[in-house]
Amino acid sequence: MSAAHMSEASLSEHEREEIDTHEQRAFGFWLYLMGDAVIFALLFATYAIMIPGTDGGPTGKQLFDLNNAAIETGLLLVSSMTFGFASLQVKAGNRGAVLAWLAITFVLGAAFVFLEVREFAGMIAQGAGPDRSGFLSAFFTLVGTHGVHVTMGLIWIVILGAQVALKGLTMPVASRLHRLGLFWHFLDIAWVGIFSIVYLPGLL
């Protein structure tokens, strides 16, 4: 076997090992998301149990703003779509387009967090903070946990955006972007659950 053939075989083996490594990391991240899903399921169950526990305080119908929740939902759904566009550009190898779509996703996610923080601040200003009742404790815990996840996702977008700009779309960077995509889409699904279980029934 010639040196060129040996080098090619060695390189392909190295590439296969690298692909296997990133597939294992993706599998591990799926396990993390399953654990996160269990946490959210428990928070949803706790909220459902605590809905009647207002202790004479305000109910969801008195506090929730459907227009605000609908805008938040729209922002997060569109951000999930823009991240999908970023993922397509990763496959195309277009670094500039990836950075542009990540920036748009970041802006949409940041707007979502801003609206959520504003909603929390408004409720607390009305005396409807998490210490007012069991219902509000469960609400703030569930929605706040999701908000913290989105905030961590925004930080992650900034970090990976910097890696794309500095390192390019290497296999490790593309693998990290794939895992971030899984995380971001998971948050989208979790929010649809919050909108459907918390806000819509709370206003009916």
C-alpha atoms as a PDB file:
ATOM      1  CA  MET A   1       0.000   0.000   0.000  1.00  0.00           C
ATOM      2  CA  SER A   2       1.394   3.414  -0.952  1.00  0.00           C
ATOM      3  CA  ALA A   3       2.015   6.187   1.566  1.00  0.00           C
ATOM      4  CA  ALA A   4      -0.801   8.201  -0.005  1.00  0.00           C
ATOM      5  CA  HIS A   5      -3.281   5.361   0.506  1.00  0.00           C
ATOM      6  CA  MET A   6      -2.114   4.847   4.086  1.00  0.00           C
ATOM      7  CA  SER A   7      -2.513   8.558   4.799  1.00  0.00           C
ATOM      8  CA  GLU A   8      -6.019   8.557   3.299  1.00  0.00           C
ATOM      9  CA  ALA A   9      -7.041   5.512   5.350  1.00  0.00           C
ATOM     10  CA  SER A  10      -5.635   7.065   8.502  1.00  0.00           C
ATOM     11  CA  LEU A  11      -7.456  10.343   7.852  1.00  0.00           C
ATOM     12  CA  SER A  12     -10.803   8.659   7.202  1.00  0.00           C
ATOM     13  CA  GLU A  13     -10.425   6.634  10.382  1.00  0.00           C
ATOM     14  CA  HIS A  14      -9.681   9.800  12.334  1.00  0.00           C
ATOM     15  CA  GLU A  15     -12.740  11.466  10.832  1.00  0.00           C
ATOM     16  CA  ARG A  16     -14.900   8.491  11.766  1.00  0.00           C
ATOM     17  CA  GLU A  17     -13.617   8.643  15.333  1.00  0.00           C
ATOM     18  CA  GLU A  18     -14.384  12.370  15.487  1.00  0.00           C
ATOM     19  CA  ILE A  19     -17.892  11.796  14.143  1.00  0.00           C
ATOM     20  CA  ASP A  20     -18.458   9.015  16.697  1.00  0.00           C
ATOM     21  CA  THR A  21     -17.321  11.350  19.474  1.00  0.00           C
ATOM     22  CA  HIS A  22     -19.773  14.056  18.470  1.00  0.00           C
ATOM     23  CA  GLU A  23     -22.581  11.513  18.089  1.00  0.00           C
ATOM     24  CA  GLN A  24     -21.904  10.315  21.635  1.00  0.00           C
ATOM     25  CA  ARG A  25     -22.033  13.911  22.863  1.00  0.00           C
ATOM     26  CA  ALA A  26     -25.313  14.429  21.025  1.00  0.00           C
ATOM     27  CA  PHE A  27     -26.707  11.294  22.691  1.00  0.00           C
ATOM     28  CA  GLY A  28     -25.574  12.567  26.086  1.00  0.00           C
ATOM     29  CA  PHE A  29     -27.278  15.862  25.383  1.00  0.00           C
ATOM     30  CA  TRP A  30     -30.501  14.032  24.522  1.00  0.00           C
ATOM     31  CA  LEU A  31     -30.281  12.395  27.946  1.00  0.00           C
ATOM     32  CA  TYR A  32     -29.895  15.847  29.506  1.00  0.00           C
ATOM     33  CA  LEU A  33     -32.977  17.089  27.630  1.00  0.00           C
ATOM     34  CA  MET A  34     -34.948  14.082  28.872  1.00  0.00           C
ATOM     35  CA  GLY A  35     -33.968  14.995  32.427  1.00  0.00           C
ATOM     36  CA  ASP A  36     -34.974  18.595  31.802  1.00  0.00           C
ATOM     37  CA  ALA A  37     -38.300  17.386  30.415  1.00  0.00           C
ATOM     38  CA  VAL A  38     -38.915  15.492  33.655  1.00  0.00           C
ATOM     39  CA  ILE A  39     -38.207  18.667  35.649  1.00  0.00           C
ATOM     40  CA  PHE A  40     -40.681  20.659  33.562  1.00  0.00           C
ATOM     41  CA  ALA A  41     -43.255  17.863  33.849  1.00  0.00           C
ATOM     42  CA  LEU A  42     -42.985  18.043  37.647  1.00  0.00           C
ATOM     43  CA  LEU A  43     -43.313  21.835  37.556  1.00  0.00           C
ATOM     44  CA  PHE A  44     -46.385  21.557  35.326  1.00  0.00           C
ATOM     45  CA  ALA A  45     -47.923  19.012  37.701  1.00  0.00           C
ATOM     46  CA  THR A  46     -47.189  21.207  40.714  1.00  0.00           C
ATOM     47  CA  TYR A  47     -48.743  24.218  39.000  1.00  0.00           C
ATOM     48  CA  ALA A  48     -51.875  22.231  38.071  1.00  0.00           C
ATOM     49  CA  ILE A  49     -52.290  21.161  41.708  1.00  0.00           C
ATOM     50  CA  MET A  50     -51.716  24.690  43.036  1.00  0.00           C
ATOM     51  CA  ILE A  51     -54.132  26.532  40.715  1.00  0.00           C
ATOM     52  CA  PRO A  52     -56.875  26.668  43.397  1.00  0.00           C
ATOM     53  CA  GLY A  53     -54.373  27.738  46.078  1.00  0.00           C
ATOM     54  CA  THR A  54     -54.803  31.490  45.693  1.00  0.00           C
ATOM     55  CA  ASP A  55     -55.328  32.098  49.432  1.00  0.00           C
ATOM     56  CA  GLY A  56     -57.813  34.827  48.606  1.00  0.00           C
ATOM     57  CA  GLY A  57     -55.310  36.524  46.306  1.00  0.00           C
ATOM     58  CA  PRO A  58     -55.515  37.283  42.591  1.00  0.00           C
ATOM     59  CA  THR A  59     -56.155  34.514  40.096  1.00  0.00           C
ATOM     60  CA  GLY A  60     -54.697  34.004  36.681  1.00  0.00           C
ATOM     61  CA  LYS A  61     -57.732  35.604  35.073  1.00  0.00           C
ATOM     62  CA  GLN A  62     -57.033  38.789  37.009  1.00  0.00           C
ATOM     63  CA  LEU A  63     -53.287  38.808  36.337  1.00  0.00           C
ATOM     64  CA  PHE A  64     -52.501  37.267  32.980  1.00  0.00           C
ATOM     65  CA  ASP A  65     -52.315  39.323  29.798  1.00  0.00           C
ATOM     66  CA  LEU A  66     -53.120  37.133  26.806  1.00  0.00           C
ATOM     67  CA  ASN A  67     -51.761  39.686  24.336  1.00  0.00           C
ATOM     68  CA  ASN A  68     -48.387  39.714  26.105  1.00  0.00           C
ATOM     69  CA  ALA A  69     -48.298  35.909  26.255  1.00  0.00           C
ATOM     70  CA  ALA A  70     -49.255  35.690  22.568  1.00  0.00           C
ATOM     71  CA  ILE A  71     -46.433  38.072  21.595  1.00  0.00           C
ATOM     72  CA  GLU A  72     -43.982  36.035  23.687  1.00  0.00           C
ATOM     73  CA  THR A  73     -45.185  32.884  21.938  1.00  0.00           C
ATOM     74  CA  GLY A  74     -44.764  34.468  18.526  1.00  0.00           C
ATOM     75  CA  LEU A  75     -41.249  35.652  19.367  1.00  0.00           C
ATOM     76  CA  LEU A  76     -40.152  32.229  20.535  1.00  0.00           C
ATOM     77  CA  LEU A  77     -41.746  30.387  17.601  1.00  0.00           C
ATOM     78  CA  VAL A  78     -40.098  32.721  15.090  1.00  0.00           C
ATOM     79  CA  SER A  79     -36.759  32.417  16.933  1.00  0.00           C
ATOM     80  CA  SER A  80     -36.985  28.650  16.602  1.00  0.00           C
ATOM     81  CA  MET A  81     -37.500  29.108  12.852  1.00  0.00           C
ATOM     82  CA  THR A  82     -34.552  31.503  12.538  1.00  0.00           C
ATOM     83  CA  PHE A  83     -32.334  29.043  14.405  1.00  0.00           C
ATOM     84  CA  GLY A  84     -33.451  26.439  11.899  1.00  0.00           C
ATOM     85  CA  PHE A  85     -32.253  28.732   9.118  1.00  0.00           C
ATOM     86  CA  ALA A  86     -28.915  29.051  10.925  1.00  0.00           C
ATOM     87  CA  SER A  87     -28.664  25.254  11.060  1.00  0.00           C
ATOM     88  CA  LEU A  88     -29.295  25.021   7.312  1.00  0.00           C
ATOM     89  CA  GLN A  89     -26.513  27.533   6.683  1.00  0.00           C
ATOM     90  CA  VAL A  90     -24.167  25.469   8.852  1.00  0.00           C
ATOM     91  CA  LYS A  91     -24.691  22.566   6.448  1.00  0.00           C
ATOM     92  CA  ALA A  92     -24.099  24.921   3.523  1.00  0.00           C
ATOM     93  CA  GLY A  93     -20.870  26.157   5.112  1.00  0.00           C
ATOM     94  CA  ASN A  94     -21.954  29.809   4.983  1.00  0.00           C
ATOM     95  CA  ARG A  95     -20.373  31.353   8.078  1.00  0.00           C
ATOM     96  CA  GLY A  96     -21.713  34.877   7.485  1.00  0.00           C
ATOM     97  CA  ALA A  97     -25.306  33.668   7.131  1.00  0.00           C
ATOM     98  CA  VAL A  98     -24.976  31.515  10.258  1.00  0.00           C
ATOM     99  CA  LEU A  99     -23.851  34.546  12.262  1.00  0.00           C
ATOM    100  CA  ALA A 100     -26.688  36.669  10.840  1.00  0.00           C
ATOM    101  CA  TRP A 101     -29.377  34.131  11.720  1.00  0.00           C
ATOM    102  CA  LEU A 102     -27.889  33.577  15.169  1.00  0.00           C
ATOM    103  CA  ALA A 103     -27.990  37.355  15.751  1.00  0.00           C
ATOM    104  CA  ILE A 104     -31.662  37.490  14.743  1.00  0.00           C
ATOM    105  CA  THR A 105     -32.416  34.534  17.000  1.00  0.00           C
ATOM    106  CA  PHE A 106     -30.651  36.294  19.875  1.00  0.00           C
ATOM    107  CA  VAL A 107     -32.673  39.495  19.394  1.00  0.00           C
ATOM    108  CA  LEU A 108     -35.958  37.561  19.350  1.00  0.00           C
ATOM    109  CA  GLY A 109     -34.984  35.570  22.443  1.00  0.00           C
ATOM    110  CA  ALA A 110     -33.867  38.708  24.278  1.00  0.00           C
ATOM    111  CA  ALA A 111     -37.208  40.377  23.459  1.00  0.00           C
ATOM    112  CA  PHE A 112     -38.984  37.339  24.895  1.00  0.00           C
ATOM    113  CA  VAL A 113     -36.998  37.560  28.144  1.00  0.00           C
ATOM    114  CA  PHE A 114     -37.652  41.310  28.359  1.00  0.00           C
ATOM    115  CA  LEU A 115     -41.419  40.786  28.103  1.00  0.00           C
ATOM    116  CA  GLU A 116     -41.308  38.030  30.693  1.00  0.00           C
ATOM    117  CA  VAL A 117     -39.291  40.125  33.153  1.00  0.00           C
ATOM    118  CA  ARG A 118     -41.671  43.044  32.588  1.00  0.00           C
ATOM    119  CA  GLU A 119     -44.648  40.791  33.304  1.00  0.00           C
ATOM    120  CA  PHE A 120     -43.050  39.526  36.526  1.00  0.00           C
ATOM    121  CA  ALA A 121     -42.174  43.055  37.639  1.00  0.00           C
ATOM    122  CA  GLY A 122     -45.725  44.240  36.975  1.00  0.00           C
ATOM    123  CA  MET A 123     -47.230  41.377  38.970  1.00  0.00           C
ATOM    124  CA  ILE A 124     -44.871  41.947  41.897  1.00  0.00           C
ATOM    125  CA  ALA A 125     -45.704  45.690  41.834  1.00  0.00           C
ATOM    126  CA  GLN A 126     -49.377  44.718  42.260  1.00  0.00           C
ATOM    127  CA  GLY A 127     -48.526  42.661  45.321  1.00  0.00           C
ATOM    128  CA  ALA A 128     -48.827  39.407  43.377  1.00  0.00           C
ATOM    129  CA  GLY A 129     -45.318  38.093  43.914  1.00  0.00           C
ATOM    130  CA  PRO A 130     -44.341  34.453  44.415  1.00  0.00           C
ATOM    131  CA  ASP A 131     -44.785  34.805  48.197  1.00  0.00           C
ATOM    132  CA  ARG A 132     -48.459  35.826  47.894  1.00  0.00           C
ATOM    133  CA  SER A 133     -49.927  32.349  47.426  1.00  0.00           C
ATOM    134  CA  GLY A 134     -49.165  28.782  46.460  1.00  0.00           C
ATOM    135  CA  PHE A 135     -50.649  29.447  43.035  1.00  0.00           C
ATOM    136  CA  LEU A 136     -48.277  32.337  42.399  1.00  0.00           C
ATOM    137  CA  SER A 137     -45.300  30.428  43.798  1.00  0.00           C
ATOM    138  CA  ALA A 138     -45.968  27.623  41.318  1.00  0.00           C
ATOM    139  CA  PHE A 139     -46.496  30.102  38.481  1.00  0.00           C
ATOM    140  CA  PHE A 140     -43.285  32.028  39.096  1.00  0.00           C
ATOM    141  CA  THR A 141     -41.310  28.808  39.527  1.00  0.00           C
ATOM    142  CA  LEU A 142     -42.564  27.231  36.293  1.00  0.00           C
ATOM    143  CA  VAL A 143     -42.410  30.293  34.046  1.00  0.00           C
ATOM    144  CA  GLY A 144     -39.258  31.599  35.736  1.00  0.00           C
ATOM    145  CA  THR A 145     -37.450  28.297  35.219  1.00  0.00           C
ATOM    146  CA  HIS A 146     -38.252  28.499  31.534  1.00  0.00           C
ATOM    147  CA  GLY A 147     -37.047  32.105  31.441  1.00  0.00           C
ATOM    148  CA  VAL A 148     -33.750  31.136  33.064  1.00  0.00           C
ATOM    149  CA  HIS A 149     -33.310  28.436  30.424  1.00  0.00           C
ATOM    150  CA  VAL A 150     -33.901  30.949  27.640  1.00  0.00           C
ATOM    151  CA  THR A 151     -31.378  33.318  29.240  1.00  0.00           C
ATOM    152  CA  MET A 152     -28.797  30.528  29.354  1.00  0.00           C
ATOM    153  CA  GLY A 153     -29.591  29.807  25.709  1.00  0.00           C
ATOM    154  CA  LEU A 154     -28.916  33.448  24.835  1.00  0.00           C
ATOM    155  CA  ILE A 155     -25.531  33.290  26.555  1.00  0.00           C
ATOM    156  CA  TRP A 156     -24.826  30.080  24.657  1.00  0.00           C
ATOM    157  CA  ILE A 157     -25.719  31.771  21.355  1.00  0.00           C
ATOM    158  CA  VAL A 158     -23.221  34.560  22.077  1.00  0.00           C
ATOM    159  CA  ILE A 159     -20.474  32.080  22.938  1.00  0.00           C
ATOM    160  CA  LEU A 160     -21.044  29.931  19.861  1.00  0.00           C
ATOM    161  CA  GLY A 161     -21.416  33.004  17.667  1.00  0.00           C
ATOM    162  CA  ALA A 162     -17.942  34.050  18.799  1.00  0.00           C
ATOM    163  CA  GLN A 163     -16.612  30.547  18.043  1.00  0.00           C
ATOM    164  CA  VAL A 164     -18.127  30.608  14.562  1.00  0.00           C
ATOM    165  CA  ALA A 165     -16.544  34.015  13.915  1.00  0.00           C
ATOM    166  CA  LEU A 166     -13.126  32.993  15.218  1.00  0.00           C
ATOM    167  CA  LYS A 167     -12.863  29.310  14.308  1.00  0.00           C
ATOM    168  CA  GLY A 168     -15.265  28.923  11.418  1.00  0.00           C
ATOM    169  CA  LEU A 169     -17.714  26.062  10.907  1.00  0.00           C
ATOM    170  CA  THR A 170     -15.427  23.269  12.061  1.00  0.00           C
ATOM    171  CA  MET A 171     -16.909  19.935  13.045  1.00  0.00           C
ATOM    172  CA  PRO A 172     -16.695  20.645  16.818  1.00  0.00           C
ATOM    173  CA  VAL A 173     -18.368  24.055  16.389  1.00  0.00           C
ATOM    174  CA  ALA A 174     -21.069  22.602  14.125  1.00  0.00           C
ATOM    175  CA  SER A 175     -21.671  19.849  16.688  1.00  0.00           C
ATOM    176  CA  ARG A 176     -22.116  22.429  19.460  1.00  0.00           C
ATOM    177  CA  LEU A 177     -24.511  24.410  17.292  1.00  0.00           C
ATOM    178  CA  HIS A 178     -26.521  21.232  16.716  1.00  0.00           C
ATOM    179  CA  ARG A 179     -26.838  20.662  20.455  1.00  0.00           C
ATOM    180  CA  LEU A 180     -27.783  24.300  21.015  1.00  0.00           C
ATOM    181  CA  GLY A 181     -30.456  23.867  18.360  1.00  0.00           C
ATOM    182  CA  LEU A 182     -31.904  20.894  20.227  1.00  0.00           C
ATOM    183  CA  PHE A 183     -31.941  22.960  23.417  1.00  0.00           C
ATOM    184  CA  TRP A 184     -33.585  25.974  21.755  1.00  0.00           C
ATOM    185  CA  HIS A 185     -36.307  23.922  20.075  1.00  0.00           C
ATOM    186  CA  PHE A 186     -36.950  22.134  23.374  1.00  0.00           C
ATOM    187  CA  LEU A 187     -37.552  25.511  25.032  1.00  0.00           C
ATOM    188  CA  ASP A 188     -39.985  26.350  22.260  1.00  0.00           C
ATOM    189  CA  ILE A 189     -41.960  23.179  22.952  1.00  0.00           C
ATOM    190  CA  ALA A 190     -41.897  23.833  26.699  1.00  0.00           C
ATOM    191  CA  TRP A 191     -43.250  27.342  26.164  1.00  0.00           C
ATOM    192  CA  VAL A 192     -46.108  26.082  23.987  1.00  0.00           C
ATOM    193  CA  GLY A 193     -46.998  23.881  26.967  1.00  0.00           C
ATOM    194  CA  ILE A 194     -46.859  26.883  29.313  1.00  0.00           C
ATOM    195  CA  PHE A 195     -49.016  28.979  26.993  1.00  0.00           C
ATOM    196  CA  SER A 196     -51.548  26.165  26.620  1.00  0.00           C
ATOM    197  CA  ILE A 197     -51.653  25.020  30.261  1.00  0.00           C
ATOM    198  CA  VAL A 198     -50.971  28.241  32.182  1.00  0.00           C
ATOM    199  CA  TYR A 199     -52.137  31.270  30.223  1.00  0.00           C
ATOM    200  CA  LEU A 200     -55.081  30.065  28.137  1.00  0.00           C
ATOM    201  CA  PRO A 201     -56.916  28.154  30.938  1.00  0.00           C
ATOM    202  CA  GLY A 202     -56.027  30.918  33.410  1.00  0.00           C
ATOM    203  CA  LEU A 203     -57.924  33.469  31.358  1.00  0.00           C
ATOM    204  CA  LEU A 204     -61.009  31.337  30.704  1.00  0.00           C
END
